């Protein structure tokens, strides 16, 4: 599963993990599978015909595919009203960019000093500058300055991703 793949994201070819590649391609593969299934006959309960169409008497008689297209008409509640399906689609490209950025942030953390990692950890724990300063035995303004320098360093380390989240 650790095989590296490549995808076009924002017009750039990006190396991604097998997991990210599969998540990105999943919808395309589903659509291809739907197209394939639509070319097969179905019986009344929706089971796909396993016979070869070239030997099927119904198909050869010119009746075409029988019941090939599944219908959502069968999805109704007890009172006959249609079942509502929530749209759970996500912006896959944005999610991939976020996952890549998370991976790069972890790599960038390795380039930070122990003190900078500690400041980042305190910041991520939603500690104030005063609390960070107290933990590091420096003033509040010293903690703020250290935090600004840390974010400037992270911004430089992650500069390749500056355009990913601009809309």
N, C-alpha and C. Protein backbone atom coordinates (compact mmCIF):
# COMPACT_ATOMS: atom_id res chain seq x y z
N UNK A 1 0.81 -1.20 0.00
CA UNK A 1 0.00 0.00 0.00
C UNK A 1 0.85 1.27 0.00
N UNK A 2 2.16 1.17 0.15
CA UNK A 2 3.00 2.36 0.22
C UNK A 2 3.50 2.79 -1.15
N UNK A 3 2.90 2.29 -2.21
CA UNK A 3 3.32 2.65 -3.56
C UNK A 3 3.01 4.12 -3.82
N UNK A 4 3.96 4.83 -4.41
CA UNK A 4 3.77 6.25 -4.71
C UNK A 4 3.06 6.41 -6.04
N UNK A 5 2.14 7.32 -6.10
CA UNK A 5 1.39 7.64 -7.31
C UNK A 5 1.49 9.14 -7.55
N UNK A 6 0.99 9.58 -8.71
CA UNK A 6 1.00 11.00 -9.04
C UNK A 6 -0.38 11.42 -9.51
N UNK A 7 -0.78 12.64 -9.10
CA UNK A 7 -2.06 13.23 -9.50
C UNK A 7 -1.83 14.68 -9.87
N UNK A 8 -2.69 15.19 -10.76
CA UNK A 8 -2.66 16.61 -11.08
C UNK A 8 -3.53 17.35 -10.07
N UNK A 9 -2.94 18.27 -9.32
CA UNK A 9 -3.65 19.10 -8.36
C UNK A 9 -3.27 20.55 -8.65
N UNK A 10 -4.27 21.38 -8.93
CA UNK A 10 -4.04 22.78 -9.30
C UNK A 10 -3.07 22.89 -10.47
N UNK A 11 -3.17 21.96 -11.42
CA UNK A 11 -2.34 22.01 -12.62
C UNK A 11 -0.92 21.51 -12.42
N UNK A 12 -0.60 21.03 -11.21
CA UNK A 12 0.75 20.52 -10.95
C UNK A 12 0.68 19.03 -10.70
N UNK A 13 1.69 18.32 -11.17
CA UNK A 13 1.78 16.89 -10.92
C UNK A 13 2.40 16.69 -9.54
N UNK A 14 1.65 16.07 -8.63
CA UNK A 14 2.04 15.93 -7.24
C UNK A 14 2.20 14.44 -6.92
N UNK A 15 3.27 14.09 -6.20
CA UNK A 15 3.43 12.73 -5.70
C UNK A 15 2.49 12.54 -4.52
N UNK A 16 1.73 11.46 -4.54
CA UNK A 16 0.80 11.17 -3.45
C UNK A 16 0.94 9.70 -3.07
N UNK A 17 0.47 9.38 -1.88
CA UNK A 17 0.51 7.99 -1.44
C UNK A 17 -0.59 7.20 -2.14
N UNK A 18 -0.49 5.90 -2.05
CA UNK A 18 -1.50 5.02 -2.65
C UNK A 18 -2.88 5.31 -2.07
N UNK A 19 -2.94 5.58 -0.77
CA UNK A 19 -4.21 5.86 -0.10
C UNK A 19 -4.87 7.13 -0.66
N UNK A 20 -4.09 8.18 -0.81
CA UNK A 20 -4.61 9.44 -1.36
C UNK A 20 -5.03 9.25 -2.81
N UNK A 21 -4.23 8.51 -3.57
CA UNK A 21 -4.55 8.25 -4.98
C UNK A 21 -5.90 7.53 -5.10
N UNK A 22 -6.09 6.51 -4.28
CA UNK A 22 -7.34 5.75 -4.33
C UNK A 22 -8.53 6.63 -3.94
N UNK A 23 -8.36 7.47 -2.92
CA UNK A 23 -9.45 8.35 -2.51
C UNK A 23 -9.82 9.32 -3.63
N UNK A 24 -8.83 9.81 -4.33
CA UNK A 24 -9.06 10.76 -5.43
C UNK A 24 -9.74 10.08 -6.62
N UNK A 25 -9.30 8.87 -6.93
CA UNK A 25 -9.80 8.18 -8.11
C UNK A 25 -11.10 7.41 -7.88
N UNK A 26 -11.48 7.24 -6.62
CA UNK A 26 -12.61 6.39 -6.28
C UNK A 26 -13.88 6.75 -7.04
N UNK A 27 -14.24 8.03 -7.12
CA UNK A 27 -15.46 8.44 -7.80
C UNK A 27 -15.40 8.14 -9.30
N UNK A 28 -14.25 8.35 -9.90
CA UNK A 28 -14.08 8.03 -11.32
C UNK A 28 -14.26 6.53 -11.56
N UNK A 29 -13.69 5.72 -10.67
CA UNK A 29 -13.82 4.27 -10.80
C UNK A 29 -15.28 3.85 -10.61
N UNK A 30 -15.98 4.48 -9.67
CA UNK A 30 -17.39 4.16 -9.45
C UNK A 30 -18.21 4.46 -10.70
N UNK A 31 -17.94 5.59 -11.32
CA UNK A 31 -18.67 5.97 -12.53
C UNK A 31 -18.40 4.95 -13.65
N UNK A 32 -17.16 4.53 -13.80
CA UNK A 32 -16.83 3.50 -14.80
C UNK A 32 -17.57 2.20 -14.51
N UNK A 33 -17.65 1.84 -13.23
CA UNK A 33 -18.35 0.62 -12.84
C UNK A 33 -19.85 0.76 -13.12
N UNK A 34 -20.44 1.93 -12.87
CA UNK A 34 -21.85 2.17 -13.18
C UNK A 34 -22.10 2.01 -14.67
N UNK A 35 -21.22 2.58 -15.49
CA UNK A 35 -21.35 2.46 -16.94
C UNK A 35 -21.31 0.99 -17.36
N UNK A 36 -20.39 0.24 -16.77
CA UNK A 36 -20.27 -1.18 -17.10
C UNK A 36 -21.55 -1.94 -16.71
N UNK A 37 -22.03 -1.67 -15.50
CA UNK A 37 -23.24 -2.36 -15.04
C UNK A 37 -24.46 -2.01 -15.88
N UNK A 38 -24.50 -0.78 -16.39
CA UNK A 38 -25.64 -0.36 -17.20
C UNK A 38 -25.71 -1.12 -18.51
N UNK A 39 -24.63 -1.76 -18.89
CA UNK A 39 -24.60 -2.51 -20.14
C UNK A 39 -25.00 -3.97 -19.95
N UNK A 40 -25.45 -4.31 -18.75
CA UNK A 40 -25.88 -5.67 -18.45
C UNK A 40 -27.37 -5.69 -18.11
N UNK A 41 -28.04 -6.77 -18.45
CA UNK A 41 -29.45 -6.93 -18.10
C UNK A 41 -29.60 -7.18 -16.61
N UNK A 42 -30.79 -6.87 -16.10
CA UNK A 42 -31.12 -7.15 -14.70
C UNK A 42 -32.49 -7.82 -14.65
N UNK A 43 -32.65 -8.71 -13.69
CA UNK A 43 -33.97 -9.31 -13.52
C UNK A 43 -34.80 -8.45 -12.57
N UNK A 44 -35.98 -8.91 -12.19
CA UNK A 44 -36.91 -8.10 -11.41
C UNK A 44 -36.35 -7.68 -10.05
N UNK A 45 -35.53 -8.51 -9.42
CA UNK A 45 -34.99 -8.14 -8.10
C UNK A 45 -33.68 -7.38 -8.20
N UNK A 46 -33.25 -7.02 -9.41
CA UNK A 46 -32.06 -6.19 -9.59
C UNK A 46 -30.77 -6.96 -9.77
N UNK A 47 -30.84 -8.29 -9.79
CA UNK A 47 -29.64 -9.10 -9.96
C UNK A 47 -29.13 -8.98 -11.39
N UNK A 48 -27.83 -8.77 -11.53
CA UNK A 48 -27.22 -8.63 -12.86
C UNK A 48 -27.18 -9.98 -13.55
N UNK A 49 -27.57 -9.99 -14.82
CA UNK A 49 -27.54 -11.19 -15.65
C UNK A 49 -26.08 -11.58 -15.88
N UNK A 50 -25.76 -12.84 -15.73
CA UNK A 50 -24.39 -13.32 -15.92
C UNK A 50 -24.18 -13.94 -17.30
N UNK A 51 -25.24 -14.01 -18.09
CA UNK A 51 -25.14 -14.65 -19.39
C UNK A 51 -24.47 -13.71 -20.40
N UNK A 52 -23.94 -14.29 -21.44
CA UNK A 52 -23.35 -13.51 -22.53
C UNK A 52 -24.48 -12.96 -23.39
N UNK A 53 -24.50 -11.65 -23.62
CA UNK A 53 -25.57 -11.01 -24.39
C UNK A 53 -25.67 -11.58 -25.81
N UNK A 54 -24.56 -12.05 -26.35
CA UNK A 54 -24.55 -12.59 -27.73
C UNK A 54 -25.36 -13.87 -27.85
N UNK A 55 -25.60 -14.54 -26.71
CA UNK A 55 -26.38 -15.77 -26.73
C UNK A 55 -27.75 -15.61 -26.10
N UNK A 56 -28.08 -14.44 -25.60
CA UNK A 56 -29.35 -14.20 -24.91
C UNK A 56 -30.49 -14.09 -25.94
N UNK A 57 -31.53 -14.93 -25.82
CA UNK A 57 -32.63 -14.86 -26.79
C UNK A 57 -33.37 -13.53 -26.76
N UNK A 58 -33.52 -12.91 -25.59
CA UNK A 58 -34.21 -11.62 -25.50
C UNK A 58 -33.42 -10.53 -26.24
N UNK A 59 -32.14 -10.52 -26.02
CA UNK A 59 -31.29 -9.51 -26.66
C UNK A 59 -31.24 -9.73 -28.17
N UNK A 60 -31.12 -11.00 -28.57
CA UNK A 60 -31.07 -11.33 -30.00
C UNK A 60 -32.39 -11.05 -30.70
N UNK A 61 -33.50 -11.09 -29.94
CA UNK A 61 -34.82 -10.81 -30.51
C UNK A 61 -35.04 -9.32 -30.71
N UNK A 62 -34.04 -8.52 -30.33
CA UNK A 62 -34.13 -7.08 -30.55
C UNK A 62 -34.78 -6.31 -29.43
N UNK A 63 -34.95 -6.95 -28.28
CA UNK A 63 -35.58 -6.27 -27.15
C UNK A 63 -34.58 -5.42 -26.35
N UNK A 64 -33.31 -5.49 -26.70
CA UNK A 64 -32.30 -4.70 -26.00
C UNK A 64 -32.07 -5.22 -24.59
N UNK A 65 -31.43 -4.41 -23.80
CA UNK A 65 -31.14 -4.79 -22.42
C UNK A 65 -32.42 -4.64 -21.59
N UNK A 66 -32.72 -5.64 -20.79
CA UNK A 66 -33.93 -5.58 -19.97
C UNK A 66 -33.58 -5.15 -18.55
N UNK A 67 -34.13 -4.05 -18.15
CA UNK A 67 -33.93 -3.58 -16.78
C UNK A 67 -32.51 -3.19 -16.46
N UNK A 68 -31.76 -2.73 -17.46
CA UNK A 68 -30.35 -2.41 -17.23
C UNK A 68 -30.18 -1.20 -16.32
N UNK A 69 -31.06 -0.24 -16.41
CA UNK A 69 -30.91 0.97 -15.62
C UNK A 69 -31.65 0.82 -14.30
N UNK A 70 -30.93 0.99 -13.21
CA UNK A 70 -31.58 0.95 -11.90
C UNK A 70 -32.32 2.26 -11.68
N UNK A 71 -33.43 2.17 -11.03
CA UNK A 71 -34.26 3.35 -10.79
C UNK A 71 -34.35 3.63 -9.30
N UNK A 72 -34.39 4.90 -8.95
CA UNK A 72 -34.57 5.29 -7.56
C UNK A 72 -36.04 5.30 -7.17
N UNK A 73 -36.93 4.97 -8.13
CA UNK A 73 -38.36 4.94 -7.85
C UNK A 73 -38.70 3.94 -6.75
N UNK A 74 -37.87 2.90 -6.61
CA UNK A 74 -38.13 1.87 -5.60
C UNK A 74 -37.81 2.37 -4.20
N UNK A 75 -37.08 3.46 -4.08
CA UNK A 75 -36.71 3.99 -2.77
C UNK A 75 -37.78 4.96 -2.28
N UNK A 76 -38.81 4.41 -1.66
CA UNK A 76 -39.90 5.23 -1.12
C UNK A 76 -40.15 4.80 0.31
N UNK A 77 -40.71 5.71 1.09
CA UNK A 77 -41.05 5.39 2.47
C UNK A 77 -42.38 4.63 2.49
N UNK A 78 -42.82 4.23 3.68
CA UNK A 78 -44.06 3.47 3.81
C UNK A 78 -45.27 4.24 3.29
N UNK A 79 -45.22 5.58 3.41
CA UNK A 79 -46.37 6.38 2.94
C UNK A 79 -46.28 6.71 1.45
N UNK A 80 -45.23 6.20 0.77
CA UNK A 80 -45.11 6.41 -0.67
C UNK A 80 -44.31 7.62 -1.08
N UNK A 81 -43.86 8.41 -0.12
CA UNK A 81 -43.04 9.58 -0.47
C UNK A 81 -41.60 9.14 -0.73
N UNK A 82 -40.90 9.85 -1.62
CA UNK A 82 -39.52 9.43 -1.95
C UNK A 82 -38.57 9.62 -0.77
N UNK A 83 -37.58 8.74 -0.69
CA UNK A 83 -36.55 8.83 0.34
C UNK A 83 -35.56 9.92 -0.07
N UNK A 84 -35.22 10.79 0.87
CA UNK A 84 -34.25 11.86 0.60
C UNK A 84 -32.86 11.36 0.97
N UNK A 85 -31.92 11.58 0.07
CA UNK A 85 -30.53 11.20 0.31
C UNK A 85 -29.70 12.46 0.50
N UNK A 86 -28.93 12.49 1.59
CA UNK A 86 -28.06 13.64 1.84
C UNK A 86 -26.89 13.62 0.88
N UNK A 87 -26.51 14.78 0.40
CA UNK A 87 -25.36 14.91 -0.49
C UNK A 87 -24.11 15.01 0.36
N UNK A 88 -23.31 13.97 0.38
CA UNK A 88 -22.13 13.93 1.24
C UNK A 88 -20.84 14.09 0.46
N UNK A 89 -20.93 14.66 -0.74
CA UNK A 89 -19.73 14.85 -1.54
C UNK A 89 -18.83 15.90 -0.89
N UNK A 90 -17.55 15.72 -1.08
CA UNK A 90 -16.57 16.68 -0.59
C UNK A 90 -15.70 17.11 -1.76
N UNK A 91 -15.02 18.20 -1.58
CA UNK A 91 -14.08 18.66 -2.58
C UNK A 91 -12.81 17.82 -2.44
N UNK A 92 -12.71 16.78 -3.25
CA UNK A 92 -11.62 15.80 -3.14
C UNK A 92 -10.27 16.48 -3.34
N UNK A 93 -10.19 17.37 -4.29
CA UNK A 93 -8.92 18.04 -4.57
C UNK A 93 -8.45 18.84 -3.35
N UNK A 94 -9.38 19.54 -2.70
CA UNK A 94 -9.03 20.30 -1.51
C UNK A 94 -8.61 19.37 -0.37
N UNK A 95 -9.30 18.25 -0.22
CA UNK A 95 -8.94 17.30 0.83
C UNK A 95 -7.55 16.71 0.58
N UNK A 96 -7.23 16.43 -0.67
CA UNK A 96 -5.90 15.92 -1.00
C UNK A 96 -4.85 16.97 -0.66
N UNK A 97 -5.12 18.22 -1.03
CA UNK A 97 -4.17 19.29 -0.74
C UNK A 97 -3.98 19.43 0.77
N UNK A 98 -5.05 19.31 1.54
CA UNK A 98 -4.95 19.38 3.00
C UNK A 98 -4.11 18.24 3.55
N UNK A 99 -4.33 17.03 3.04
CA UNK A 99 -3.55 15.88 3.51
C UNK A 99 -2.08 16.03 3.16
N UNK A 100 -1.80 16.52 1.97
CA UNK A 100 -0.40 16.75 1.58
C UNK A 100 0.22 17.80 2.48
N UNK A 101 -0.53 18.86 2.77
CA UNK A 101 -0.02 19.92 3.65
C UNK A 101 0.25 19.38 5.05
N UNK A 102 -0.63 18.51 5.56
CA UNK A 102 -0.40 17.91 6.88
C UNK A 102 0.89 17.11 6.89
N UNK A 103 1.11 16.33 5.82
CA UNK A 103 2.35 15.55 5.72
C UNK A 103 3.57 16.46 5.70
N UNK A 104 3.47 17.54 4.93
CA UNK A 104 4.59 18.48 4.83
C UNK A 104 4.81 19.22 6.15
N UNK A 105 3.74 19.52 6.88
CA UNK A 105 3.88 20.16 8.19
C UNK A 105 4.63 19.24 9.14
N UNK A 106 4.33 17.96 9.10
CA UNK A 106 5.06 17.01 9.95
C UNK A 106 6.55 16.99 9.60
N UNK A 107 6.86 17.05 8.31
CA UNK A 107 8.26 17.11 7.88
C UNK A 107 8.90 18.41 8.33
N UNK A 108 8.16 19.52 8.23
CA UNK A 108 8.68 20.83 8.63
C UNK A 108 8.95 20.86 10.13
N UNK A 109 8.12 20.20 10.92
CA UNK A 109 8.33 20.17 12.38
C UNK A 109 9.69 19.57 12.73
N UNK A 110 10.17 18.64 11.90
CA UNK A 110 11.46 18.02 12.16
C UNK A 110 12.61 19.01 12.00
N UNK A 111 12.36 20.10 11.26
CA UNK A 111 13.39 21.11 11.04
C UNK A 111 13.36 22.21 12.10
N UNK A 112 12.42 22.12 13.04
CA UNK A 112 12.32 23.11 14.11
C UNK A 112 13.22 22.70 15.28
N UNK A 113 13.62 23.69 16.06
CA UNK A 113 14.37 23.40 17.27
C UNK A 113 13.40 22.85 18.32
N UNK A 114 13.95 22.28 19.37
CA UNK A 114 13.09 21.75 20.45
C UNK A 114 12.22 22.85 21.04
N UNK A 115 12.80 24.03 21.21
CA UNK A 115 12.05 25.16 21.78
C UNK A 115 10.92 25.59 20.85
N UNK A 116 11.21 25.63 19.54
CA UNK A 116 10.17 26.01 18.58
C UNK A 116 9.04 24.97 18.55
N UNK A 117 9.38 23.69 18.65
CA UNK A 117 8.35 22.65 18.71
C UNK A 117 7.49 22.79 19.95
N UNK A 118 8.13 23.16 21.06
CA UNK A 118 7.42 23.35 22.31
C UNK A 118 6.46 24.54 22.20
N UNK A 119 6.91 25.62 21.61
CA UNK A 119 6.05 26.80 21.40
C UNK A 119 4.86 26.42 20.52
N UNK A 120 5.13 25.68 19.46
CA UNK A 120 4.05 25.24 18.56
C UNK A 120 3.06 24.35 19.31
N UNK A 121 3.57 23.46 20.13
CA UNK A 121 2.69 22.58 20.91
C UNK A 121 1.82 23.40 21.86
N UNK A 122 2.43 24.36 22.55
CA UNK A 122 1.65 25.21 23.45
C UNK A 122 0.59 26.01 22.67
N UNK A 123 0.98 26.52 21.52
CA UNK A 123 0.03 27.28 20.70
C UNK A 123 -1.13 26.39 20.26
N UNK A 124 -0.82 25.16 19.83
CA UNK A 124 -1.86 24.24 19.39
C UNK A 124 -2.77 23.82 20.55
N UNK A 125 -2.26 23.90 21.77
CA UNK A 125 -3.08 23.63 22.95
C UNK A 125 -3.89 24.86 23.37
N UNK A 126 -3.87 25.89 22.52
CA UNK A 126 -4.61 27.14 22.72
C UNK A 126 -4.17 27.91 23.97
N UNK A 127 -2.89 27.84 24.25
CA UNK A 127 -2.37 28.63 25.37
C UNK A 127 -2.11 30.05 24.90
N UNK A 128 -2.31 30.99 25.80
CA UNK A 128 -2.08 32.40 25.48
C UNK A 128 -0.58 32.69 25.49
N UNK A 129 -0.23 33.88 24.98
CA UNK A 129 1.18 34.28 25.00
C UNK A 129 1.69 34.36 26.43
N UNK A 130 0.84 34.81 27.34
CA UNK A 130 1.25 34.90 28.75
C UNK A 130 1.55 33.51 29.31
N UNK A 131 0.71 32.54 28.99
CA UNK A 131 0.92 31.18 29.48
C UNK A 131 2.17 30.55 28.86
N UNK A 132 2.38 30.82 27.58
CA UNK A 132 3.58 30.31 26.90
C UNK A 132 4.82 30.94 27.52
N UNK A 133 4.76 32.26 27.74
CA UNK A 133 5.89 32.96 28.36
C UNK A 133 6.20 32.42 29.74
N UNK A 134 5.16 32.17 30.52
CA UNK A 134 5.35 31.62 31.87
C UNK A 134 6.00 30.24 31.81
N UNK A 135 5.55 29.39 30.88
CA UNK A 135 6.10 28.04 30.76
C UNK A 135 7.56 28.08 30.30
N UNK A 136 7.93 29.07 29.48
CA UNK A 136 9.29 29.17 28.96
C UNK A 136 10.17 30.11 29.79
N UNK A 137 9.58 30.69 30.83
CA UNK A 137 10.29 31.63 31.72
C UNK A 137 10.76 32.86 30.96
N UNK A 138 9.88 33.40 30.11
CA UNK A 138 10.15 34.64 29.39
C UNK A 138 8.91 35.54 29.53
N UNK A 139 9.04 36.77 29.07
CA UNK A 139 7.91 37.68 29.16
C UNK A 139 6.84 37.34 28.11
N UNK A 140 5.68 37.96 28.31
CA UNK A 140 4.57 37.77 27.36
C UNK A 140 4.97 38.26 25.98
N UNK A 141 5.61 39.43 25.91
CA UNK A 141 6.04 39.97 24.61
C UNK A 141 7.14 39.10 24.00
N UNK A 142 7.98 38.51 24.82
CA UNK A 142 9.01 37.59 24.32
C UNK A 142 8.39 36.34 23.72
N UNK A 143 7.33 35.85 24.36
CA UNK A 143 6.61 34.68 23.85
C UNK A 143 5.93 35.01 22.52
N UNK A 144 5.34 36.21 22.43
CA UNK A 144 4.69 36.63 21.18
C UNK A 144 5.73 36.72 20.06
N UNK A 145 6.88 37.31 20.36
CA UNK A 145 7.94 37.44 19.36
C UNK A 145 8.44 36.06 18.92
N UNK A 146 8.59 35.15 19.86
CA UNK A 146 9.03 33.78 19.52
C UNK A 146 7.99 33.09 18.64
N UNK A 147 6.71 33.34 18.95
CA UNK A 147 5.64 32.75 18.15
C UNK A 147 5.65 33.32 16.74
N UNK A 148 5.82 34.63 16.59
CA UNK A 148 5.90 35.26 15.27
C UNK A 148 7.06 34.69 14.45
N UNK A 149 8.22 34.53 15.09
CA UNK A 149 9.38 33.97 14.40
C UNK A 149 9.13 32.52 13.99
N UNK A 150 8.47 31.78 14.86
CA UNK A 150 8.14 30.39 14.55
C UNK A 150 7.24 30.32 13.32
N UNK A 151 6.20 31.14 13.28
CA UNK A 151 5.28 31.11 12.14
C UNK A 151 5.93 31.61 10.86
N UNK A 152 6.85 32.54 10.98
CA UNK A 152 7.58 33.00 9.80
C UNK A 152 8.45 31.86 9.25
N UNK A 153 9.05 31.10 10.14
CA UNK A 153 9.87 29.97 9.73
C UNK A 153 9.01 28.89 9.07
N UNK A 154 7.86 28.59 9.68
CA UNK A 154 6.95 27.59 9.10
C UNK A 154 6.42 28.06 7.74
N UNK A 155 6.13 29.34 7.64
CA UNK A 155 5.64 29.89 6.36
C UNK A 155 6.70 29.71 5.28
N UNK A 156 7.95 29.94 5.63
CA UNK A 156 9.03 29.76 4.66
C UNK A 156 9.19 28.28 4.29
N UNK A 157 9.10 27.40 5.29
CA UNK A 157 9.25 25.97 5.03
C UNK A 157 8.09 25.41 4.19
N UNK A 158 6.93 26.02 4.31
CA UNK A 158 5.74 25.53 3.59
C UNK A 158 5.31 26.47 2.47
N UNK A 159 6.23 27.28 1.97
CA UNK A 159 5.90 28.30 0.96
C UNK A 159 5.36 27.70 -0.33
N UNK A 160 5.71 26.45 -0.64
CA UNK A 160 5.20 25.81 -1.86
C UNK A 160 3.69 25.64 -1.84
N UNK A 161 3.08 25.73 -0.66
CA UNK A 161 1.65 25.48 -0.52
C UNK A 161 0.84 26.75 -0.32
N UNK A 162 1.45 27.90 -0.53
CA UNK A 162 0.78 29.18 -0.28
C UNK A 162 -0.46 29.37 -1.14
N UNK A 163 -0.48 28.85 -2.35
CA UNK A 163 -1.61 29.07 -3.26
C UNK A 163 -2.69 28.01 -3.17
N UNK A 164 -2.48 26.96 -2.40
CA UNK A 164 -3.43 25.85 -2.38
C UNK A 164 -4.80 26.24 -1.84
N UNK A 165 -4.86 27.15 -0.89
CA UNK A 165 -6.12 27.39 -0.20
C UNK A 165 -6.69 28.76 -0.52
N UNK A 166 -6.16 29.42 -1.53
CA UNK A 166 -6.72 30.70 -1.98
C UNK A 166 -7.85 30.42 -2.94
N UNK A 167 -8.94 31.07 -2.75
CA UNK A 167 -10.08 30.87 -3.66
C UNK A 167 -10.44 32.17 -4.31
